[in-house]
Amino acid sequence: MIPQTSKMRVARPTDNLHKITEMYVNGLGFQLLGTFEDHNGFDGSIIGHEKHNYHLEFTHHKGKMVGKAPTQDNLLVFYFSDNDIWVECCERMVIAGFEIVSSYNKY
């Protein structure tokens, strides 16, 4: 079993590294934990919270286009136990540039 102290990092490629980093920092309140440039042609940003056991990593491969998500079900999902916090977060996300979409998979 993986130790509880492990960190999970979800990595996603993007054509808009700066924009998506700002959206997640401003819209979801993440911190920019680190960046890297030209690691074998890749630039990236790592965002999250220092004390949480998960991070998001967004990367851009110079000279390559990744386009949009490959399917409608390619989502990052965050669950909130407090509805008021969820509503507040949704409002911040829209202001930060996120688009509201209907769930393709209702579960």
PDB file of N, CA and C in Angstrom:
ATOM      1  N   MET A   1       0.840  -1.173   0.000  1.00  0.00           N
ATOM      2  CA  MET A   1       0.000   0.000   0.000  1.00  0.00           C
ATOM      3  C   MET A   1       0.885   1.236   0.000  1.00  0.00           C
ATOM      4  N   ILE A   2       0.466   2.265  -0.690  1.00  0.00           N
ATOM      5  CA  ILE A   2       1.200   3.531  -0.731  1.00  0.00           C
ATOM      6  C   ILE A   2       1.056   4.227   0.616  1.00  0.00           C
ATOM      7  N   PRO A   3       2.134   4.734   1.192  1.00  0.00           N
ATOM      8  CA  PRO A   3       2.044   5.409   2.494  1.00  0.00           C
ATOM      9  C   PRO A   3       1.145   6.648   2.441  1.00  0.00           C
ATOM     10  N   GLN A   4       0.454   6.927   3.540  1.00  0.00           N
ATOM     11  CA  GLN A   4      -0.421   8.098   3.612  1.00  0.00           C
ATOM     12  C   GLN A   4       0.345   9.400   3.438  1.00  0.00           C
ATOM     13  N   THR A   5       1.614   9.391   3.706  1.00  0.00           N
ATOM     14  CA  THR A   5       2.418  10.601   3.585  1.00  0.00           C
ATOM     15  C   THR A   5       2.809  10.904   2.140  1.00  0.00           C
ATOM     16  N   SER A   6       2.474   9.996   1.222  1.00  0.00           N
ATOM     17  CA  SER A   6       2.788  10.214  -0.191  1.00  0.00           C
ATOM     18  C   SER A   6       1.970  11.378  -0.739  1.00  0.00           C
ATOM     19  N   LYS A   7       2.508  12.032  -1.746  1.00  0.00           N
ATOM     20  CA  LYS A   7       1.773  13.088  -2.438  1.00  0.00           C
ATOM     21  C   LYS A   7       1.361  12.564  -3.806  1.00  0.00           C
ATOM     22  N   MET A   8       0.119  12.846  -4.180  1.00  0.00           N
ATOM     23  CA  MET A   8      -0.350  12.503  -5.513  1.00  0.00           C
ATOM     24  C   MET A   8      -0.240  13.760  -6.373  1.00  0.00           C
ATOM     25  N   ARG A   9       0.373  13.624  -7.525  1.00  0.00           N
ATOM     26  CA  ARG A   9       0.473  14.749  -8.446  1.00  0.00           C
ATOM     27  C   ARG A   9      -0.196  14.348  -9.747  1.00  0.00           C
ATOM     28  N   VAL A  10      -1.203  15.113 -10.132  1.00  0.00           N
ATOM     29  CA  VAL A  10      -1.904  14.897 -11.391  1.00  0.00           C
ATOM     30  C   VAL A  10      -1.302  15.863 -12.404  1.00  0.00           C
ATOM     31  N   ALA A  11      -0.744  15.325 -13.475  1.00  0.00           N
ATOM     32  CA  ALA A  11      -0.090  16.149 -14.493  1.00  0.00           C
ATOM     33  C   ALA A  11      -0.972  16.242 -15.729  1.00  0.00           C
ATOM     34  N   ARG A  12      -1.079  17.449 -16.247  1.00  0.00           N
ATOM     35  CA  ARG A  12      -1.872  17.692 -17.451  1.00  0.00           C
ATOM     36  C   ARG A  12      -1.095  18.594 -18.402  1.00  0.00           C
ATOM     37  N   PRO A  13      -1.057  18.243 -19.688  1.00  0.00           N
ATOM     38  CA  PRO A  13      -0.422  19.120 -20.664  1.00  0.00           C
ATOM     39  C   PRO A  13      -1.362  20.269 -21.030  1.00  0.00           C
ATOM     40  N   THR A  14      -0.785  21.380 -21.447  1.00  0.00           N
ATOM     41  CA  THR A  14      -1.589  22.534 -21.841  1.00  0.00           C
ATOM     42  C   THR A  14      -0.847  23.351 -22.888  1.00  0.00           C
ATOM     43  N   ASP A  15      -1.612  24.055 -23.698  1.00  0.00           N
ATOM     44  CA  ASP A  15      -1.037  25.011 -24.637  1.00  0.00           C
ATOM     45  C   ASP A  15      -1.001  26.417 -24.037  1.00  0.00           C
ATOM     46  N   ASN A  16      -1.585  26.586 -22.851  1.00  0.00           N
ATOM     47  CA  ASN A  16      -1.709  27.901 -22.214  1.00  0.00           C
ATOM     48  C   ASN A  16      -1.248  27.837 -20.764  1.00  0.00           C
ATOM     49  N   LEU A  17       0.027  27.561 -20.565  1.00  0.00           N
ATOM     50  CA  LEU A  17       0.556  27.321 -19.225  1.00  0.00           C
ATOM     51  C   LEU A  17       0.302  28.489 -18.276  1.00  0.00           C
ATOM     52  N   HIS A  18       0.632  29.697 -18.691  1.00  0.00           N
ATOM     53  CA  HIS A  18       0.474  30.857 -17.808  1.00  0.00           C
ATOM     54  C   HIS A  18      -1.000  31.065 -17.449  1.00  0.00           C
ATOM     55  N   LYS A  19      -1.868  30.998 -18.451  1.00  0.00           N
ATOM     56  CA  LYS A  19      -3.297  31.239 -18.217  1.00  0.00           C
ATOM     57  C   LYS A  19      -3.903  30.189 -17.287  1.00  0.00           C
ATOM     58  N   ILE A  20      -3.635  28.921 -17.533  1.00  0.00           N
ATOM     59  CA  ILE A  20      -4.251  27.878 -16.708  1.00  0.00           C
ATOM     60  C   ILE A  20      -3.710  27.914 -15.283  1.00  0.00           C
ATOM     61  N   THR A  21      -2.437  28.266 -15.130  1.00  0.00           N
ATOM     62  CA  THR A  21      -1.876  28.395 -13.783  1.00  0.00           C
ATOM     63  C   THR A  21      -2.598  29.499 -13.027  1.00  0.00           C
ATOM     64  N   GLU A  22      -2.773  30.655 -13.657  1.00  0.00           N
ATOM     65  CA  GLU A  22      -3.493  31.763 -13.014  1.00  0.00           C
ATOM     66  C   GLU A  22      -4.932  31.380 -12.682  1.00  0.00           C
ATOM     67  N   MET A  23      -5.596  30.653 -13.578  1.00  0.00           N
ATOM     68  CA  MET A  23      -6.990  30.266 -13.340  1.00  0.00           C
ATOM     69  C   MET A  23      -7.112  29.410 -12.084  1.00  0.00           C
ATOM     70  N   TYR A  24      -6.239  28.435 -11.925  1.00  0.00           N
ATOM     71  CA  TYR A  24      -6.328  27.549 -10.767  1.00  0.00           C
ATOM     72  C   TYR A  24      -5.893  28.246  -9.480  1.00  0.00           C
ATOM     73  N   VAL A  25      -4.911  29.119  -9.562  1.00  0.00           N
ATOM     74  CA  VAL A  25      -4.479  29.858  -8.369  1.00  0.00           C
ATOM     75  C   VAL A  25      -5.573  30.835  -7.945  1.00  0.00           C
ATOM     76  N   ASN A  26      -6.097  31.616  -8.881  1.00  0.00           N
ATOM     77  CA  ASN A  26      -7.111  32.615  -8.546  1.00  0.00           C
ATOM     78  C   ASN A  26      -8.493  32.010  -8.333  1.00  0.00           C
ATOM     79  N   GLY A  27      -8.854  31.021  -9.129  1.00  0.00           N
ATOM     80  CA  GLY A  27     -10.195  30.451  -9.056  1.00  0.00           C
ATOM     81  C   GLY A  27     -10.395  29.465  -7.926  1.00  0.00           C
ATOM     82  N   LEU A  28      -9.371  28.700  -7.595  1.00  0.00           N
ATOM     83  CA  LEU A  28      -9.502  27.678  -6.559  1.00  0.00           C
ATOM     84  C   LEU A  28      -8.650  27.955  -5.329  1.00  0.00           C
ATOM     85  N   GLY A  29      -7.901  29.039  -5.362  1.00  0.00           N
ATOM     86  CA  GLY A  29      -7.111  29.405  -4.192  1.00  0.00           C
ATOM     87  C   GLY A  29      -5.873  28.558  -3.974  1.00  0.00           C
ATOM     88  N   PHE A  30      -5.411  27.865  -5.017  1.00  0.00           N
ATOM     89  CA  PHE A  30      -4.181  27.097  -4.895  1.00  0.00           C
ATOM     90  C   PHE A  30      -2.988  28.036  -4.804  1.00  0.00           C
ATOM     91  N   GLN A  31      -1.890  27.514  -4.315  1.00  0.00           N
ATOM     92  CA  GLN A  31      -0.631  28.253  -4.278  1.00  0.00           C
ATOM     93  C   GLN A  31       0.255  27.747  -5.406  1.00  0.00           C
ATOM     94  N   LEU A  32       1.031  28.636  -5.968  1.00  0.00           N
ATOM     95  CA  LEU A  32       2.036  28.233  -6.933  1.00  0.00           C
ATOM     96  C   LEU A  32       3.220  27.700  -6.139  1.00  0.00           C
ATOM     97  N   LEU A  33       3.403  26.388  -6.163  1.00  0.00           N
ATOM     98  CA  LEU A  33       4.432  25.738  -5.352  1.00  0.00           C
ATOM     99  C   LEU A  33       5.783  25.679  -6.048  1.00  0.00           C
ATOM    100  N   GLY A  34       5.765  25.723  -7.366  1.00  0.00           N
ATOM    101  CA  GLY A  34       7.022  25.654  -8.091  1.00  0.00           C
ATOM    102  C   GLY A  34       6.810  25.789  -9.583  1.00  0.00           C
ATOM    103  N   THR A  35       7.859  26.139 -10.262  1.00  0.00           N
ATOM    104  CA  THR A  35       7.846  26.209 -11.721  1.00  0.00           C
ATOM    105  C   THR A  35       9.150  25.615 -12.236  1.00  0.00           C
ATOM    106  N   PHE A  36       9.150  25.255 -13.504  1.00  0.00           N
ATOM    107  CA  PHE A  36      10.386  24.823 -14.144  1.00  0.00           C
ATOM    108  C   PHE A  36      10.353  25.252 -15.599  1.00  0.00           C
ATOM    109  N   GLU A  37      11.536  25.476 -16.150  1.00  0.00           N
ATOM    110  CA  GLU A  37      11.663  25.908 -17.537  1.00  0.00           C
ATOM    111  C   GLU A  37      12.673  25.045 -18.263  1.00  0.00           C
ATOM    112  N   ASP A  38      12.301  24.674 -19.464  1.00  0.00           N
ATOM    113  CA  ASP A  38      13.169  23.944 -20.384  1.00  0.00           C
ATOM    114  C   ASP A  38      13.797  22.697 -19.771  1.00  0.00           C
ATOM    115  N   HIS A  39      12.977  21.898 -19.112  1.00  0.00           N
ATOM    116  CA  HIS A  39      13.418  20.565 -18.685  1.00  0.00           C
ATOM    117  C   HIS A  39      13.205  19.642 -19.874  1.00  0.00           C
ATOM    118  N   ASN A  40      14.228  19.481 -20.676  1.00  0.00           N
ATOM    119  CA  ASN A  40      14.135  18.696 -21.917  1.00  0.00           C
ATOM    120  C   ASN A  40      13.008  19.198 -22.807  1.00  0.00           C
ATOM    121  N   GLY A  41      12.851  20.522 -22.885  1.00  0.00           N
ATOM    122  CA  GLY A  41      11.839  21.124 -23.740  1.00  0.00           C
ATOM    123  C   GLY A  41      10.512  21.384 -23.057  1.00  0.00           C
ATOM    124  N   PHE A  42      10.382  21.030 -21.799  1.00  0.00           N
ATOM    125  CA  PHE A  42       9.132  21.228 -21.067  1.00  0.00           C
ATOM    126  C   PHE A  42       9.244  22.385 -20.080  1.00  0.00           C
ATOM    127  N   ASP A  43       8.206  23.213 -20.045  1.00  0.00           N
ATOM    128  CA  ASP A  43       8.014  24.203 -18.989  1.00  0.00           C
ATOM    129  C   ASP A  43       6.847  23.713 -18.150  1.00  0.00           C
ATOM    130  N   GLY A  44       6.797  24.112 -16.890  1.00  0.00           N
ATOM    131  CA  GLY A  44       5.688  23.645 -16.069  1.00  0.00           C
ATOM    132  C   GLY A  44       5.471  24.461 -14.821  1.00  0.00           C
ATOM    133  N   SER A  45       4.311  24.253 -14.243  1.00  0.00           N
ATOM    134  CA  SER A  45       3.983  24.848 -12.948  1.00  0.00           C
ATOM    135  C   SER A  45       3.349  23.775 -12.077  1.00  0.00           C
ATOM    136  N   ILE A  46       3.660  23.840 -10.802  1.00  0.00           N
ATOM    137  CA  ILE A  46       3.115  22.908  -9.817  1.00  0.00           C
ATOM    138  C   ILE A  46       2.317  23.740  -8.832  1.00  0.00           C
ATOM    139  N   ILE A  47       1.046  23.399  -8.682  1.00  0.00           N
ATOM    140  CA  ILE A  47       0.175  24.161  -7.796  1.00  0.00           C
ATOM    141  C   ILE A  47      -0.491  23.230  -6.800  1.00  0.00           C
ATOM    142  N   GLY A  48      -0.922  23.786  -5.702  1.00  0.00           N
ATOM    143  CA  GLY A  48      -1.590  23.013  -4.659  1.00  0.00           C
ATOM    144  C   GLY A  48      -1.536  23.772  -3.355  1.00  0.00           C
ATOM    145  N   HIS A  49      -1.553  23.036  -2.284  1.00  0.00           N
ATOM    146  CA  HIS A  49      -1.401  23.590  -0.941  1.00  0.00           C
ATOM    147  C   HIS A  49      -0.269  22.826  -0.272  1.00  0.00           C
ATOM    148  N   GLU A  50       0.593  23.533   0.405  1.00  0.00           N
ATOM    149  CA  GLU A  50       1.762  22.901   1.019  1.00  0.00           C
ATOM    150  C   GLU A  50       1.403  21.728   1.923  1.00  0.00           C
ATOM    151  N   LYS A  51       0.284  21.814   2.625  1.00  0.00           N
ATOM    152  CA  LYS A  51      -0.069  20.780   3.603  1.00  0.00           C
ATOM    153  C   LYS A  51      -1.029  19.724   3.062  1.00  0.00           C
ATOM    154  N   HIS A  52      -1.444  19.860   1.803  1.00  0.00           N
ATOM    155  CA  HIS A  52      -2.334  18.856   1.221  1.00  0.00           C
ATOM    156  C   HIS A  52      -1.509  17.797   0.511  1.00  0.00           C
ATOM    157  N   ASN A  53      -2.058  16.614   0.410  1.00  0.00           N
ATOM    158  CA  ASN A  53      -1.333  15.488  -0.181  1.00  0.00           C
ATOM    159  C   ASN A  53      -1.580  15.331  -1.672  1.00  0.00           C
ATOM    160  N   TYR A  54      -1.957  16.404  -2.331  1.00  0.00           N
ATOM    161  CA  TYR A  54      -2.102  16.346  -3.785  1.00  0.00           C
ATOM    162  C   TYR A  54      -1.620  17.658  -4.392  1.00  0.00           C
ATOM    163  N   HIS A  55      -1.099  17.555  -5.595  1.00  0.00           N
ATOM    164  CA  HIS A  55      -0.663  18.711  -6.370  1.00  0.00           C
ATOM    165  C   HIS A  55      -1.199  18.552  -7.786  1.00  0.00           C
ATOM    166  N   LEU A  56      -1.290  19.648  -8.486  1.00  0.00           N
ATOM    167  CA  LEU A  56      -1.556  19.635  -9.914  1.00  0.00           C
ATOM    168  C   LEU A  56      -0.306  20.159 -10.609  1.00  0.00           C
ATOM    169  N   GLU A  57       0.061  19.502 -11.674  1.00  0.00           N
ATOM    170  CA  GLU A  57       1.212  19.940 -12.469  1.00  0.00           C
ATOM    171  C   GLU A  57       0.739  20.176 -13.893  1.00  0.00           C
ATOM    172  N   PHE A  58       0.953  21.375 -14.378  1.00  0.00           N
ATOM    173  CA  PHE A  58       0.617  21.699 -15.758  1.00  0.00           C
ATOM    174  C   PHE A  58       1.918  21.873 -16.522  1.00  0.00           C
ATOM    175  N   THR A  59       1.981  21.263 -17.703  1.00  0.00           N
ATOM    176  CA  THR A  59       3.206  21.303 -18.496  1.00  0.00           C
ATOM    177  C   THR A  59       2.921  21.778 -19.915  1.00  0.00           C
ATOM    178  N   HIS A  60       3.932  22.372 -20.506  1.00  0.00           N
ATOM    179  CA  HIS A  60       3.882  22.753 -21.918  1.00  0.00           C
ATOM    180  C   HIS A  60       5.179  22.293 -22.572  1.00  0.00           C
ATOM    181  N   HIS A  61       5.041  21.517 -23.644  1.00  0.00           N
ATOM    182  CA  HIS A  61       6.194  21.041 -24.406  1.00  0.00           C
ATOM    183  C   HIS A  61       6.411  22.020 -25.549  1.00  0.00           C
ATOM    184  N   LYS A  62       7.519  22.731 -25.501  1.00  0.00           N
ATOM    185  CA  LYS A  62       7.790  23.775 -26.491  1.00  0.00           C
ATOM    186  C   LYS A  62       7.737  23.208 -27.906  1.00  0.00           C
ATOM    187  N   GLY A  63       7.004  23.919 -28.766  1.00  0.00           N
ATOM    188  CA  GLY A  63       6.891  23.519 -30.157  1.00  0.00           C
ATOM    189  C   GLY A  63       5.825  22.472 -30.426  1.00  0.00           C
ATOM    190  N   LYS A  64       5.116  22.034 -29.403  1.00  0.00           N
ATOM    191  CA  LYS A  64       4.071  21.014 -29.555  1.00  0.00           C
ATOM    192  C   LYS A  64       2.720  21.604 -29.162  1.00  0.00           C
ATOM    193  N   MET A  65       1.673  21.176 -29.846  1.00  0.00           N
ATOM    194  CA  MET A  65       0.302  21.576 -29.511  1.00  0.00           C
ATOM    195  C   MET A  65      -0.425  20.351 -28.973  1.00  0.00           C
ATOM    196  N   VAL A  66      -1.086  20.494 -27.824  1.00  0.00           N
ATOM    197  CA  VAL A  66      -1.839  19.368 -27.270  1.00  0.00           C
ATOM    198  C   VAL A  66      -3.329  19.512 -27.519  1.00  0.00           C
ATOM    199  N   GLY A  67      -3.786  20.716 -27.829  1.00  0.00           N
ATOM    200  CA  GLY A  67      -5.197  20.916 -28.122  1.00  0.00           C
ATOM    201  C   GLY A  67      -6.071  20.777 -26.895  1.00  0.00           C
ATOM    202  N   LYS A  68      -7.342  20.529 -27.144  1.00  0.00           N
ATOM    203  CA  LYS A  68      -8.316  20.407 -26.055  1.00  0.00           C
ATOM    204  C   LYS A  68      -8.282  19.013 -25.445  1.00  0.00           C
ATOM    205  N   ALA A  69      -9.019  18.856 -24.344  1.00  0.00           N
ATOM    206  CA  ALA A  69      -9.113  17.553 -23.674  1.00  0.00           C
ATOM    207  C   ALA A  69      -9.610  16.501 -24.665  1.00  0.00           C
ATOM    208  N   PRO A  70      -9.095  15.274 -24.576  1.00  0.00           N
ATOM    209  CA  PRO A  70      -9.444  14.244 -25.551  1.00  0.00           C
ATOM    210  C   PRO A  70     -10.892  13.764 -25.488  1.00  0.00           C
ATOM    211  N   THR A  71     -11.555  13.913 -24.344  1.00  0.00           N
ATOM    212  CA  THR A  71     -12.956  13.499 -24.224  1.00  0.00           C
ATOM    213  C   THR A  71     -13.702  14.482 -23.334  1.00  0.00           C
ATOM    214  N   GLN A  72     -15.034  14.427 -23.373  1.00  0.00           N
ATOM    215  CA  GLN A  72     -15.860  15.268 -22.501  1.00  0.00           C
ATOM    216  C   GLN A  72     -15.779  14.822 -21.052  1.00  0.00           C
ATOM    217  N   ASP A  73     -15.304  13.623 -20.826  1.00  0.00           N
ATOM    218  CA  ASP A  73     -15.239  13.072 -19.468  1.00  0.00           C
ATOM    219  C   ASP A  73     -13.849  13.258 -18.854  1.00  0.00           C
ATOM    220  N   ASN A  74     -13.013  14.067 -19.475  1.00  0.00           N
ATOM    221  CA  ASN A  74     -11.658  14.332 -18.993  1.00  0.00           C
ATOM    222  C   ASN A  74     -11.705  15.549 -18.066  1.00  0.00           C
ATOM    223  N   LEU A  75     -12.017  15.308 -16.802  1.00  0.00           N
ATOM    224  CA  LEU A  75     -12.264  16.380 -15.841  1.00  0.00           C
ATOM    225  C   LEU A  75     -11.424  16.202 -14.586  1.00  0.00           C
ATOM    226  N   LEU A  76     -11.196  17.298 -13.885  1.00  0.00           N
ATOM    227  CA  LEU A  76     -10.703  17.254 -12.511  1.00  0.00           C
ATOM    228  C   LEU A  76     -11.904  17.583 -11.640  1.00  0.00           C
ATOM    229  N   VAL A  77     -12.217  16.726 -10.691  1.00  0.00           N
ATOM    230  CA  VAL A  77     -13.427  16.891  -9.880  1.00  0.00           C
ATOM    231  C   VAL A  77     -13.033  17.090  -8.425  1.00  0.00           C
ATOM    232  N   PHE A  78     -13.551  18.148  -7.825  1.00  0.00           N
ATOM    233  CA  PHE A  78     -13.351  18.422  -6.407  1.00  0.00           C
ATOM    234  C   PHE A  78     -14.708  18.372  -5.733  1.00  0.00           C
ATOM    235  N   TYR A  79     -14.802  17.653  -4.628  1.00  0.00           N
ATOM    236  CA  TYR A  79     -16.049  17.541  -3.877  1.00  0.00           C
ATOM    237  C   TYR A  79     -15.967  18.414  -2.634  1.00  0.00           C
ATOM    238  N   PHE A  80     -17.048  19.115  -2.350  1.00  0.00           N
ATOM    239  CA  PHE A  80     -17.127  19.996  -1.185  1.00  0.00           C
ATOM    240  C   PHE A  80     -18.221  19.498  -0.256  1.00  0.00           C
ATOM    241  N   SER A  81     -17.958  19.488   1.030  1.00  0.00           N
ATOM    242  CA  SER A  81     -18.983  19.086   1.998  1.00  0.00           C
ATOM    243  C   SER A  81     -19.824  20.278   2.438  1.00  0.00           C
ATOM    244  N   ASP A  82     -19.354  21.491   2.189  1.00  0.00           N
ATOM    245  CA  ASP A  82     -20.062  22.709   2.590  1.00  0.00           C
ATOM    246  C   ASP A  82     -20.570  23.419   1.338  1.00  0.00           C
ATOM    247  N   ASN A  83     -21.886  23.497   1.177  1.00  0.00           N
ATOM    248  CA  ASN A  83     -22.483  24.082  -0.022  1.00  0.00           C
ATOM    249  C   ASN A  83     -22.113  25.555  -0.193  1.00  0.00           C
ATOM    250  N   ASP A  84     -22.058  26.322   0.892  1.00  0.00           N
ATOM    251  CA  ASP A  84     -21.711  27.740   0.791  1.00  0.00           C
ATOM    252  C   ASP A  84     -20.293  27.925   0.245  1.00  0.00           C
ATOM    253  N   ILE A  85     -19.377  27.100   0.699  1.00  0.00           N
ATOM    254  CA  ILE A  85     -17.997  27.173   0.198  1.00  0.00           C
ATOM    255  C   ILE A  85     -17.958  26.778  -1.274  1.00  0.00           C
ATOM    256  N   TRP A  86     -18.753  25.781  -1.652  1.00  0.00           N
ATOM    257  CA  TRP A  86     -18.824  25.347  -3.047  1.00  0.00           C
ATOM    258  C   TRP A  86     -19.314  26.485  -3.944  1.00  0.00           C
ATOM    259  N   VAL A  87     -20.389  27.158  -3.534  1.00  0.00           N
ATOM    260  CA  VAL A  87     -20.939  28.265  -4.321  1.00  0.00           C
ATOM    261  C   VAL A  87     -19.904  29.381  -4.463  1.00  0.00           C
ATOM    262  N   GLU A  88     -19.251  29.732  -3.369  1.00  0.00           N
ATOM    263  CA  GLU A  88     -18.224  30.775  -3.391  1.00  0.00           C
ATOM    264  C   GLU A  88     -17.083  30.393  -4.330  1.00  0.00           C
ATOM    265  N   CYS A  89     -16.677  29.146  -4.275  1.00  0.00           N
ATOM    266  CA  CYS A  89     -15.596  28.661  -5.131  1.00  0.00           C
ATOM    267  C   CYS A  89     -16.012  28.701  -6.603  1.00  0.00           C
ATOM    268  N   CYS A  90     -17.236  28.299  -6.893  1.00  0.00           N
ATOM    269  CA  CYS A  90     -17.740  28.336  -8.273  1.00  0.00           C
ATOM    270  C   CYS A  90     -17.727  29.760  -8.814  1.00  0.00           C
ATOM    271  N   GLU A  91     -18.123  30.716  -7.994  1.00  0.00           N
ATOM    272  CA  GLU A  91     -18.120  32.121  -8.415  1.00  0.00           C
ATOM    273  C   GLU A  91     -16.701  32.595  -8.724  1.00  0.00           C
ATOM    274  N   ARG A  92     -15.748  32.238  -7.874  1.00  0.00           N
ATOM    275  CA  ARG A  92     -14.350  32.622  -8.104  1.00  0.00           C
ATOM    276  C   ARG A  92     -13.808  31.974  -9.380  1.00  0.00           C
ATOM    277  N   MET A  93     -14.221  30.727  -9.632  1.00  0.00           N
ATOM    278  CA  MET A  93     -13.747  30.025 -10.818  1.00  0.00           C
ATOM    279  C   MET A  93     -14.217  30.719 -12.095  1.00  0.00           C
ATOM    280  N   VAL A  94     -15.475  31.136 -12.135  1.00  0.00           N
ATOM    281  CA  VAL A  94     -16.002  31.825 -13.315  1.00  0.00           C
ATOM    282  C   VAL A  94     -15.255  33.144 -13.527  1.00  0.00           C
ATOM    283  N   ILE A  95     -15.040  33.892 -12.450  1.00  0.00           N
ATOM    284  CA  ILE A  95     -14.298  35.157 -12.546  1.00  0.00           C
ATOM    285  C   ILE A  95     -12.878  34.911 -13.057  1.00  0.00           C
ATOM    286  N   ALA A  96     -12.278  33.789 -12.665  1.00  0.00           N
ATOM    287  CA  ALA A  96     -10.906  33.457 -13.068  1.00  0.00           C
ATOM    288  C   ALA A  96     -10.812  32.964 -14.509  1.00  0.00           C
ATOM    289  N   GLY A  97     -11.958  32.668 -15.148  1.00  0.00           N
ATOM    290  CA  GLY A  97     -11.934  32.260 -16.546  1.00  0.00           C
ATOM    291  C   GLY A  97     -12.399  30.853 -16.841  1.00  0.00           C
ATOM    292  N   PHE A  98     -12.799  30.094 -15.815  1.00  0.00           N
ATOM    293  CA  PHE A  98     -13.329  28.755 -16.054  1.00  0.00           C
ATOM    294  C   PHE A  98     -14.676  28.855 -16.765  1.00  0.00           C
ATOM    295  N   GLU A  99     -14.981  27.886 -17.599  1.00  0.00           N
ATOM    296  CA  GLU A  99     -16.267  27.820 -18.277  1.00  0.00           C
ATOM    297  C   GLU A  99     -17.143  26.783 -17.594  1.00  0.00           C
ATOM    298  N   ILE A 100     -18.415  27.102 -17.436  1.00  0.00           N
ATOM    299  CA  ILE A 100     -19.374  26.153 -16.869  1.00  0.00           C
ATOM    300  C   ILE A 100     -19.761  25.167 -17.966  1.00  0.00           C
ATOM    301  N   VAL A 101     -19.651  23.885 -17.670  1.00  0.00           N
ATOM    302  CA  VAL A 101     -20.040  22.844 -18.618  1.00  0.00           C
ATOM    303  C   VAL A 101     -20.952  21.847 -17.914  1.00  0.00           C
ATOM    304  N   SER A 102     -21.810  21.218 -18.678  1.00  0.00           N
ATOM    305  CA  SER A 102     -22.649  20.151 -18.137  1.00  0.00           C
ATOM    306  C   SER A 102     -21.811  18.888 -18.037  1.00  0.00           C
ATOM    307  N   SER A 103     -22.083  18.105 -17.022  1.00  0.00           N
ATOM    308  CA  SER A 103     -21.352  16.863 -16.842  1.00  0.00           C
ATOM    309  C   SER A 103     -21.769  15.856 -17.909  1.00  0.00           C
ATOM    310  N   TYR A 104     -20.795  15.299 -18.596  1.00  0.00           N
ATOM    311  CA  TYR A 104     -21.052  14.264 -19.594  1.00  0.00           C
ATOM    312  C   TYR A 104     -21.445  12.965 -18.900  1.00  0.00           C
ATOM    313  N   ASN A 105     -20.767  12.657 -17.796  1.00  0.00           N
ATOM    314  CA  ASN A 105     -21.034  11.465 -16.998  1.00  0.00           C
ATOM    315  C   ASN A 105     -21.737  11.928 -15.726  1.00  0.00           C
ATOM    316  N   LYS A 106     -23.004  11.651 -15.594  1.00  0.00           N
ATOM    317  CA  LYS A 106     -23.806  12.173 -14.481  1.00  0.00           C
ATOM    318  C   LYS A 106     -23.382  11.618 -13.126  1.00  0.00           C
ATOM    319  N   TYR A 107     -22.467  10.660 -13.099  1.00  0.00           N
ATOM    320  CA  TYR A 107     -22.014  10.103 -11.827  1.00  0.00           C
ATOM    321  C   TYR A 107     -20.695  10.710 -11.461  1.00  0.00           C
TER     322      TYR A 107
END
